[in-house]
Protein backbone atom coordinates (compact mmCIF):
# COMPACT_ATOMS: atom_id res chain seq x y z
CA MET A 1 -22.10 16.06 -38.65
CA THR A 2 -19.35 17.03 -36.53
CA ALA A 3 -16.75 14.83 -35.11
CA ASP A 4 -17.12 15.59 -31.51
CA PRO A 5 -21.03 16.14 -30.84
CA VAL A 6 -21.63 18.32 -27.91
CA PRO A 7 -22.96 16.50 -24.63
CA ASN A 8 -26.47 17.32 -23.71
CA TRP A 9 -25.71 18.80 -20.39
CA GLN A 10 -28.19 17.82 -17.74
CA PRO A 11 -29.32 19.96 -14.87
CA LEU A 12 -28.69 19.78 -11.25
CA THR A 13 -32.00 18.17 -10.56
CA ALA A 14 -30.62 15.06 -12.99
CA LEU A 15 -27.30 14.68 -10.27
CA PRO A 16 -29.19 11.22 -9.06
CA LEU A 17 -29.18 9.78 -12.10
CA ILE A 18 -25.76 10.88 -13.04
CA ALA A 19 -24.42 9.41 -9.70
CA SER A 20 -26.25 6.11 -10.23
CA LEU A 21 -24.57 5.89 -13.84
CA ILE A 22 -21.13 6.75 -12.26
CA ASP A 23 -21.68 4.16 -9.27
CA GLY A 24 -22.82 1.27 -11.63
CA GLU A 25 -19.81 1.06 -13.93
CA PRO A 26 -17.63 -0.32 -11.34
CA ALA A 27 -20.20 -3.17 -10.08
CA ASP A 28 -20.62 -3.88 -13.84
CA GLY A 29 -17.18 -4.06 -14.68
CA ARG A 30 -16.33 -6.47 -11.93
CA GLU A 31 -19.32 -8.83 -12.92
CA HIS A 32 -18.08 -8.78 -16.65
CA GLN A 33 -14.49 -9.43 -15.49
CA ALA A 34 -15.65 -12.38 -13.49
CA THR A 35 -17.88 -13.97 -16.04
CA LEU A 36 -14.67 -13.52 -18.43
CA LEU A 37 -12.24 -15.22 -15.58
CA ALA A 38 -14.61 -17.93 -15.39
CA VAL A 39 -14.26 -18.87 -18.99
CA ARG A 40 -10.51 -18.21 -19.42
CA ASP A 41 -9.59 -21.71 -19.46
CA ARG A 42 -12.04 -22.25 -21.94
CA PRO A 43 -11.86 -19.67 -24.73
CA TYR A 44 -13.98 -21.75 -27.35
CA VAL A 45 -16.96 -20.69 -25.19
CA LEU A 46 -16.78 -16.80 -26.38
CA ASP A 47 -16.87 -16.18 -30.11
CA ASP A 48 -15.12 -13.22 -31.95
CA ALA A 49 -18.28 -11.39 -31.96
CA THR A 50 -19.13 -11.68 -28.48
CA VAL A 51 -15.39 -10.45 -27.32
CA GLU A 52 -15.60 -7.51 -29.71
CA ARG A 53 -18.95 -6.37 -28.37
CA GLY A 54 -17.48 -6.54 -24.67
CA ILE A 55 -14.36 -4.45 -25.59
CA LYS A 56 -16.77 -2.02 -27.59
CA LEU A 57 -18.73 -1.75 -24.49
CA HIS A 58 -16.21 -0.85 -22.27
CA THR A 59 -14.46 1.49 -24.39
CA GLU A 60 -17.34 3.27 -24.80
CA GLN A 61 -18.07 3.41 -21.22
CA ARG A 62 -14.21 4.36 -20.50
CA ASP A 63 -14.76 7.14 -22.97
CA PHE A 64 -17.79 8.74 -20.85
CA LEU A 65 -15.43 9.19 -17.77
CA GLY A 66 -14.44 12.68 -19.44
CA VAL A 67 -18.47 13.52 -20.15
CA PHE A 68 -18.99 12.63 -16.65
CA ALA A 69 -16.43 14.54 -15.23
CA GLU A 70 -17.51 17.59 -17.25
CA GLN A 71 -21.14 17.11 -16.09
CA LEU A 72 -20.09 17.14 -12.46
CA ALA A 73 -18.03 20.21 -13.09
CA ARG A 74 -21.04 21.88 -14.32
């Protein structure tokens, strides 16, 4: 298995799908931030596993920004 797998580049016809994925990211991030801010004063509401999953999710989304940029350039 390679360390950096090659993305499965999509054809131009997939542009609407790619755009919807990119456009949805900020809204998802704002919604997640609002949820976290709502429980900021009650840290006991979220367990460590939930917080770690959130961090992992948003880290993976951030890591895809370069892939999206390359896809659009192609």
